[in-house]
N, C-alpha and C. Protein backbone atom coordinates (compact mmCIF):
# COMPACT_ATOMS: atom_id res chain seq x y z
N MET A 1 17.14 8.03 -9.86
CA MET A 1 16.16 9.02 -9.05
C MET A 1 14.75 8.43 -9.06
N GLY A 2 13.73 7.91 -8.67
CA GLY A 2 12.98 7.41 -8.77
C GLY A 2 11.91 8.03 -8.79
N LYS A 3 10.30 8.61 -9.27
CA LYS A 3 9.47 8.90 -9.03
C LYS A 3 8.92 9.55 -7.98
N TYR A 4 9.26 8.85 -6.68
CA TYR A 4 8.79 9.25 -5.39
C TYR A 4 9.85 9.21 -4.80
N GLU A 5 10.99 9.35 -4.89
CA GLU A 5 12.16 9.49 -4.01
C GLU A 5 12.21 10.79 -3.24
N PRO A 6 11.49 12.33 -3.75
CA PRO A 6 11.40 13.26 -2.89
C PRO A 6 10.92 13.17 -1.75
N LEU A 7 10.04 12.18 -1.97
CA LEU A 7 8.96 11.90 -0.33
C LEU A 7 9.96 10.91 0.45
N THR A 8 10.70 10.36 0.04
CA THR A 8 11.45 9.46 1.24
C THR A 8 12.64 10.26 1.63
N GLU A 9 13.17 11.36 0.79
CA GLU A 9 14.81 11.98 1.35
C GLU A 9 13.65 13.11 1.84
N PHE A 10 11.78 13.11 2.13
CA PHE A 10 11.87 14.18 2.46
C PHE A 10 11.61 14.10 4.58
N LEU A 11 11.16 12.39 3.99
CA LEU A 11 10.52 12.15 5.14
C LEU A 11 11.85 11.75 5.95
N ARG A 12 12.99 11.23 5.33
CA ARG A 12 14.41 10.84 5.97
C ARG A 12 14.49 12.06 6.89
N LYS A 13 14.63 13.16 6.31
CA LYS A 13 15.02 14.78 7.31
C LYS A 13 14.08 15.42 8.46
N GLN A 14 12.72 14.56 8.33
CA GLN A 14 12.02 14.65 9.49
C GLN A 14 12.96 14.15 10.82
N ALA A 15 12.87 14.88 12.03
CA ALA A 15 13.15 14.77 12.84
C ALA A 15 12.00 13.97 14.15
N THR A 16 11.19 14.38 14.03
CA THR A 16 9.94 14.06 15.00
C THR A 16 9.54 12.54 14.24
N LEU A 17 8.50 12.00 15.24
CA LEU A 17 8.22 10.54 15.22
C LEU A 17 7.21 10.68 13.91
N GLU A 18 6.35 11.33 14.19
CA GLU A 18 5.46 11.99 13.33
C GLU A 18 5.07 13.01 12.26
N VAL A 19 5.08 12.60 11.04
CA VAL A 19 4.58 13.80 10.21
C VAL A 19 2.96 13.71 9.45
N ARG A 20 2.87 14.98 9.97
CA ARG A 20 1.00 14.88 9.60
C ARG A 20 1.00 15.31 8.45
N MET A 21 0.30 15.43 7.14
CA MET A 21 0.53 15.73 5.62
C MET A 21 -0.78 15.55 5.36
N SER A 22 -0.81 16.66 4.44
CA SER A 22 -2.62 16.60 3.57
C SER A 22 -1.66 15.81 2.23
N PHE A 23 -2.59 15.35 1.63
CA PHE A 23 -2.63 14.90 0.05
C PHE A 23 -1.99 16.16 -0.26
N ALA A 24 -2.55 17.15 -0.60
CA ALA A 24 -2.11 18.95 -1.08
C ALA A 24 -0.59 18.60 -0.89
N GLN A 25 0.22 18.88 0.74
CA GLN A 25 0.91 18.82 1.31
C GLN A 25 2.22 17.79 0.13
N VAL A 26 1.66 16.19 0.36
CA VAL A 26 2.03 15.54 -0.31
C VAL A 26 2.86 15.51 -1.82
N GLU A 27 1.73 16.40 -2.40
CA GLU A 27 1.99 16.24 -3.81
C GLU A 27 2.88 17.46 -4.20
N ARG A 28 3.23 18.78 -3.24
CA ARG A 28 4.01 19.68 -3.01
C ARG A 28 5.41 19.27 -3.15
N VAL A 29 5.39 18.15 -2.33
CA VAL A 29 7.23 17.41 -2.05
C VAL A 29 7.36 16.90 -3.04
N LEU A 30 6.10 15.98 -3.64
CA LEU A 30 6.77 15.63 -4.76
C LEU A 30 6.89 15.92 -6.30
N GLY A 31 6.13 17.32 -6.11
CA GLY A 31 6.56 18.21 -7.23
C GLY A 31 4.75 17.66 -8.77
N PHE A 32 4.07 16.81 -8.34
CA PHE A 32 3.29 16.60 -9.58
C PHE A 32 1.88 15.81 -8.48
N LYS A 33 0.78 15.69 -9.79
CA LYS A 33 -0.15 15.55 -9.13
C LYS A 33 -0.38 13.59 -8.35
N LEU A 34 -0.80 13.34 -6.98
CA LEU A 34 -0.79 12.23 -7.14
C LEU A 34 -2.00 11.38 -7.72
N PRO A 35 -2.38 10.50 -8.04
CA PRO A 35 -3.17 9.54 -9.05
C PRO A 35 -4.25 9.67 -8.53
N PRO A 36 -5.48 9.73 -9.10
CA PRO A 36 -6.73 9.58 -8.70
C PRO A 36 -7.18 8.81 -8.03
N VAL A 37 -6.35 7.49 -8.01
CA VAL A 37 -6.53 6.35 -7.28
C VAL A 37 -6.76 7.00 -5.41
N ALA A 38 -5.39 7.56 -5.49
CA ALA A 38 -4.87 7.90 -3.98
C ALA A 38 -5.89 9.00 -3.44
N GLN A 39 -6.72 9.67 -4.00
CA GLN A 39 -8.22 10.43 -3.54
C GLN A 39 -9.16 9.39 -3.09
N ARG A 40 -9.31 8.26 -3.86
CA ARG A 40 -10.68 7.78 -3.05
C ARG A 40 -10.43 6.38 -2.89
N HIS A 41 -9.09 5.85 -2.85
CA HIS A 41 -8.77 4.74 -2.22
C HIS A 41 -8.08 4.09 -1.01
N ARG A 42 -8.69 3.97 0.12
CA ARG A 42 -7.53 4.05 1.21
C ARG A 42 -6.51 3.02 0.97
N ALA A 43 -6.64 2.03 0.32
CA ALA A 43 -6.29 0.66 -0.15
C ALA A 43 -4.68 1.30 -0.36
N TRP A 44 -4.64 2.26 -1.15
CA TRP A 44 -3.85 3.34 -1.74
C TRP A 44 -1.95 3.70 -0.47
N TRP A 45 -3.13 3.93 0.60
CA TRP A 45 -2.15 4.47 1.34
C TRP A 45 -1.21 3.01 2.20
N SER A 46 -1.94 1.87 1.99
CA SER A 46 -1.34 0.82 3.03
C SER A 46 0.13 0.85 3.16
N ASN A 47 0.42 -0.05 4.03
CA ASN A 47 1.88 -0.19 4.28
C ASN A 47 2.57 -1.69 3.67
N SER A 48 1.55 -2.15 2.70
CA SER A 48 1.85 -3.48 2.11
C SER A 48 3.29 -3.15 1.14
N PRO A 49 4.21 -3.57 1.38
CA PRO A 49 5.67 -3.23 0.50
C PRO A 49 5.35 -3.51 -1.38
N THR A 50 4.25 -4.39 -1.27
CA THR A 50 3.74 -4.80 -2.71
C THR A 50 3.03 -4.23 -3.20
N ASN A 51 2.44 -2.95 -2.76
CA ASN A 51 0.74 -2.39 -2.68
C ASN A 51 1.16 -1.44 -4.18
N ASN A 52 2.32 -0.33 -3.70
CA ASN A 52 2.40 0.50 -5.49
C ASN A 52 3.82 1.27 -5.10
N VAL A 53 4.54 1.73 -6.11
CA VAL A 53 5.75 2.46 -6.04
C VAL A 53 5.93 3.38 -4.93
N MET A 54 4.84 3.95 -4.59
CA MET A 54 4.83 4.66 -3.56
C MET A 54 4.82 4.47 -2.01
N THR A 55 4.14 3.62 -2.12
CA THR A 55 4.52 2.52 -0.72
C THR A 55 5.87 2.16 -0.07
N LYS A 56 6.66 2.06 -1.24
CA LYS A 56 8.31 2.01 -0.98
C LYS A 56 8.62 3.65 -0.12
N ALA A 57 8.46 3.88 -0.94
CA ALA A 57 8.65 5.39 -0.94
C ALA A 57 8.94 5.63 0.60
N TRP A 58 7.84 5.68 1.37
CA TRP A 58 8.02 5.50 2.92
C TRP A 58 8.43 4.94 3.75
N LEU A 59 7.95 3.80 3.23
CA LEU A 59 8.62 2.56 4.16
C LEU A 59 10.38 2.74 3.95
N ASP A 60 10.71 2.91 3.24
CA ASP A 60 12.51 3.14 2.53
C ASP A 60 12.68 4.48 3.94
N ALA A 61 12.11 5.09 3.72
CA ALA A 61 12.76 6.04 4.64
C ALA A 61 12.04 6.05 6.14
N GLY A 62 11.29 4.84 6.36
CA GLY A 62 11.51 4.31 7.91
C GLY A 62 9.74 4.82 8.51
N PHE A 63 9.31 4.85 7.72
CA PHE A 63 7.69 5.12 8.15
C PHE A 63 6.95 4.28 8.06
N ARG A 64 5.94 4.56 8.64
CA ARG A 64 4.42 3.69 8.16
C ARG A 64 3.32 5.17 7.87
N SER A 65 2.40 4.92 7.11
CA SER A 65 1.40 5.45 6.82
C SER A 65 0.02 5.26 7.92
N GLU A 66 -0.25 5.89 8.77
CA GLU A 66 -1.69 6.10 9.61
C GLU A 66 -2.79 7.30 9.64
N GLN A 67 -4.18 6.60 10.20
CA GLN A 67 -5.00 7.63 9.99
C GLN A 67 -4.92 8.33 8.88
N VAL A 68 -5.28 7.53 7.93
CA VAL A 68 -6.06 8.15 6.77
C VAL A 68 -7.18 8.77 6.67
N ASP A 69 -7.29 9.95 6.36
CA ASP A 69 -8.54 10.42 5.97
C ASP A 69 -8.54 10.77 4.91
N MET A 70 -9.79 9.84 4.00
CA MET A 70 -10.05 10.21 2.35
C MET A 70 -10.49 11.35 2.41
N ALA A 71 -11.25 11.87 3.44
CA ALA A 71 -12.48 13.11 3.56
C ALA A 71 -11.93 14.41 3.31
N ALA A 72 -11.26 14.09 4.27
CA ALA A 72 -10.02 15.64 4.39
C ALA A 72 -8.99 15.61 3.56
N GLY A 73 -8.70 14.64 3.13
CA GLY A 73 -7.67 14.28 2.41
C GLY A 73 -6.00 14.65 3.29
N LYS A 74 -5.96 13.74 4.43
CA LYS A 74 -4.99 13.23 5.04
C LYS A 74 -4.33 12.66 6.06
N LEU A 75 -3.37 12.27 6.30
CA LEU A 75 -2.90 11.27 6.48
C LEU A 75 -1.67 11.47 7.77
N VAL A 76 -0.87 10.66 8.53
CA VAL A 76 0.05 10.43 9.42
C VAL A 76 1.21 9.86 8.81
N PHE A 77 2.36 10.29 8.74
CA PHE A 77 3.37 9.38 8.39
C PHE A 77 4.38 9.56 9.92
N ARG A 78 4.01 7.81 10.34
CA ARG A 78 4.82 7.72 11.62
C ARG A 78 6.06 6.67 11.81
N ARG A 79 7.14 7.14 12.28
CA ARG A 79 8.78 6.60 12.02
C ARG A 79 8.76 4.90 13.42
N GLN A 80 8.92 4.00 12.62
CA GLN A 80 9.32 2.90 13.01
C GLN A 80 10.29 2.53 13.55
N GLU A 81 10.43 1.82 14.70
CA GLU A 81 11.79 1.21 14.76
C GLU A 81 12.14 0.41 13.94
N ALA A 82 13.60 0.20 13.88
CA ALA A 82 14.42 -0.69 12.80
C ALA A 82 13.48 -1.71 12.47
N GLY A 83 13.91 -2.59 14.25
CA GLY A 83 13.27 -3.76 13.94
C GLY A 83 12.00 -4.25 13.49
N ASN A 84 10.64 -2.85 13.61
CA ASN A 84 9.52 -3.33 13.24
C ASN A 84 8.99 -2.82 11.99
N ARG A 85 9.71 -2.49 10.91
CA ARG A 85 9.87 -2.60 9.67
C ARG A 85 9.53 -3.30 8.56
N ALA A 86 8.92 -2.95 7.37
CA ALA A 86 7.97 -3.91 6.99
C ALA A 86 9.51 -4.93 5.89
N ALA A 87 9.51 -6.05 6.06
CA ALA A 87 10.25 -6.15 5.13
C ALA A 87 10.22 -6.62 3.60
N VAL A 88 10.99 -5.80 2.55
CA VAL A 88 10.08 -6.19 1.13
C VAL A 88 10.36 -7.97 0.75
N PRO A 89 9.63 -8.35 0.16
CA PRO A 89 9.78 -9.51 -0.01
C PRO A 89 10.79 -10.10 -1.23
N SER A 90 11.53 -10.95 -0.87
CA SER A 90 12.50 -11.12 -1.88
C SER A 90 12.31 -12.49 -2.71
N GLY A 91 12.07 -12.46 -4.24
CA GLY A 91 11.78 -13.94 -4.49
C GLY A 91 10.24 -14.04 -4.10
N ARG A 92 10.96 -15.32 -4.12
CA ARG A 92 9.25 -16.10 -3.89
C ARG A 92 9.15 -16.17 -2.87
N HIS A 93 7.65 -16.08 -2.43
CA HIS A 93 6.76 -16.53 -0.76
C HIS A 93 7.57 -17.85 -0.64
N PRO A 94 7.78 -18.56 0.68
CA PRO A 94 8.46 -19.51 1.04
C PRO A 94 7.28 -20.51 1.23
N LEU A 95 5.72 -20.14 1.02
CA LEU A 95 5.27 -21.40 0.66
C LEU A 95 5.12 -21.72 -1.37
N PHE A 96 5.34 -20.76 -1.71
CA PHE A 96 4.98 -20.86 -3.11
C PHE A 96 5.23 -22.59 -3.51
N GLY A 97 4.22 -23.18 -3.90
CA GLY A 97 4.57 -24.66 -4.95
C GLY A 97 4.21 -25.34 -3.91
N TRP A 98 4.26 -25.18 -2.55
CA TRP A 98 3.94 -26.27 -1.52
C TRP A 98 2.77 -27.02 -1.62
N MET A 99 2.07 -27.00 -2.64
CA MET A 99 1.36 -27.98 -2.93
C MET A 99 1.22 -28.73 -4.37
N LYS A 100 2.56 -28.55 -5.15
CA LYS A 100 2.56 -29.09 -6.27
C LYS A 100 2.27 -30.76 -6.41
N GLY A 101 2.10 -30.96 -7.26
CA GLY A 101 1.77 -32.48 -7.35
C GLY A 101 0.93 -32.73 -6.23
N THR A 102 -0.02 -31.86 -5.88
CA THR A 102 -1.20 -32.84 -5.06
C THR A 102 -2.66 -32.99 -5.65
N VAL A 103 -2.74 -31.98 -6.45
CA VAL A 103 -4.09 -31.99 -7.31
C VAL A 103 -3.92 -32.33 -8.68
N THR A 104 -4.63 -33.40 -9.02
CA THR A 104 -4.59 -34.06 -10.25
C THR A 104 -5.61 -34.06 -10.85
N PHE A 105 -5.75 -33.93 -11.76
CA PHE A 105 -7.11 -34.39 -13.12
C PHE A 105 -7.31 -35.17 -13.81
N ALA A 106 -8.52 -36.20 -13.73
CA ALA A 106 -8.18 -37.18 -14.96
C ALA A 106 -8.50 -36.68 -16.43
N PRO A 107 -7.12 -37.72 -17.22
CA PRO A 107 -7.34 -37.39 -18.33
C PRO A 107 -8.72 -37.16 -18.91
N GLY A 108 -8.58 -36.01 -19.64
CA GLY A 108 -9.79 -35.66 -20.80
C GLY A 108 -10.69 -34.57 -20.26
N VAL A 109 -10.05 -33.93 -19.12
CA VAL A 109 -11.05 -33.21 -18.03
C VAL A 109 -10.66 -31.54 -18.32
N ASP A 110 -11.68 -31.03 -19.09
CA ASP A 110 -11.47 -29.59 -19.37
C ASP A 110 -11.89 -28.58 -18.47
N LEU A 111 -11.04 -27.94 -17.76
CA LEU A 111 -11.26 -26.96 -16.78
C LEU A 111 -12.02 -25.57 -17.11
N THR A 112 -11.96 -25.43 -18.27
CA THR A 112 -12.55 -24.33 -18.56
C THR A 112 -14.00 -24.47 -19.03
N GLU A 113 -14.23 -26.19 -18.93
CA GLU A 113 -15.98 -26.00 -19.31
C GLU A 113 -16.83 -26.04 -18.52
N PRO A 114 -17.85 -24.93 -18.33
CA PRO A 114 -18.73 -25.08 -17.69
C PRO A 114 -19.09 -26.01 -16.44
N ALA A 115 -19.54 -25.97 -15.49
CA ALA A 115 -19.80 -27.28 -14.44
C ALA A 115 -21.03 -27.39 -15.04
N ASP A 116 -22.17 -26.52 -15.40
CA ASP A 116 -23.78 -26.49 -15.20
C ASP A 116 -23.97 -26.65 -16.85
N PRO A 117 -24.66 -27.48 -17.16
CA PRO A 117 -24.87 -27.73 -18.69
C PRO A 117 -26.01 -26.67 -18.84
N GLU A 118 -26.84 -26.49 -18.16
CA GLU A 118 -27.40 -24.91 -18.61
C GLU A 118 -26.43 -23.48 -19.02
N TRP A 119 -25.65 -23.26 -18.18
CA TRP A 119 -24.70 -22.28 -18.34
C TRP A 119 -24.21 -22.60 -19.91
N ALA A 120 -23.42 -23.68 -20.29
CA ALA A 120 -23.23 -24.09 -21.61
C ALA A 120 -23.88 -23.65 -22.30
N ASP A 121 -25.43 -23.96 -22.09
CA ASP A 121 -26.40 -23.82 -23.14
C ASP A 121 -26.53 -21.96 -22.96
N ARG A 122 -26.39 -21.58 -22.11
CA ARG A 122 -26.60 -20.03 -22.25
C ARG A 122 -25.47 -19.35 -23.01
N ILE A 123 -24.03 -19.72 -22.48
CA ILE A 123 -22.78 -19.45 -23.18
C ILE A 123 -22.86 -19.41 -24.56
N GLU A 124 -23.14 -20.56 -24.76
CA GLU A 124 -23.52 -21.05 -26.80
C GLU A 124 -24.70 -19.79 -27.09
N ARG A 125 -25.82 -19.33 -26.45
CA ARG A 125 -26.48 -18.57 -27.22
C ARG A 125 -26.10 -17.14 -27.10
N GLU A 126 -25.96 -16.85 -25.64
CA GLU A 126 -25.03 -15.34 -26.18
C GLU A 126 -24.13 -14.96 -26.67
N LEU A 127 -22.83 -15.80 -26.38
CA LEU A 127 -21.96 -15.21 -27.29
C LEU A 127 -21.50 -15.93 -28.93
N PRO A 128 -21.01 -14.73 -29.09
CA PRO A 128 -21.08 -15.01 -30.34
C PRO A 128 -19.97 -15.84 -31.11
N THR A 129 -19.99 -16.64 -31.92
CA THR A 129 -19.03 -17.89 -32.24
C THR A 129 -17.91 -17.32 -33.30
N SER A 130 -16.60 -17.57 -33.23
CA SER A 130 -15.52 -17.31 -34.41
C SER A 130 -15.62 -18.22 -35.58
N ALA A 131 -15.77 -18.19 -36.67
CA ALA A 131 -15.97 -18.97 -37.90
C ALA A 131 -14.24 -19.17 -38.03
């Protein structure tokens, strides 16, 4: 059983189309405090399946997060129709590697070398050298 499974089970048992919850109520369902980032960054509550493990908890239950009010510490979980659920990516993205072999560099080109000689001089002055 995963860390956020209690939220998945809680949402699956709900008969309504939307579940309004405070962050404190989510913590009570989980049995532990949310990470500090959940209190500060709206992106933590996004519906991207690759965002974090908690996102998967409500997506697996068939819900999406909406109306996230960071100041009040509240949000709404809305039930999704089966056809509208976010698909969790499996394997690599279909476009992965599509440009492979199309970009080439001349032999001897150092991609880590600063493009501007002034930057190279500045880096040499400011960064300690290891001997």
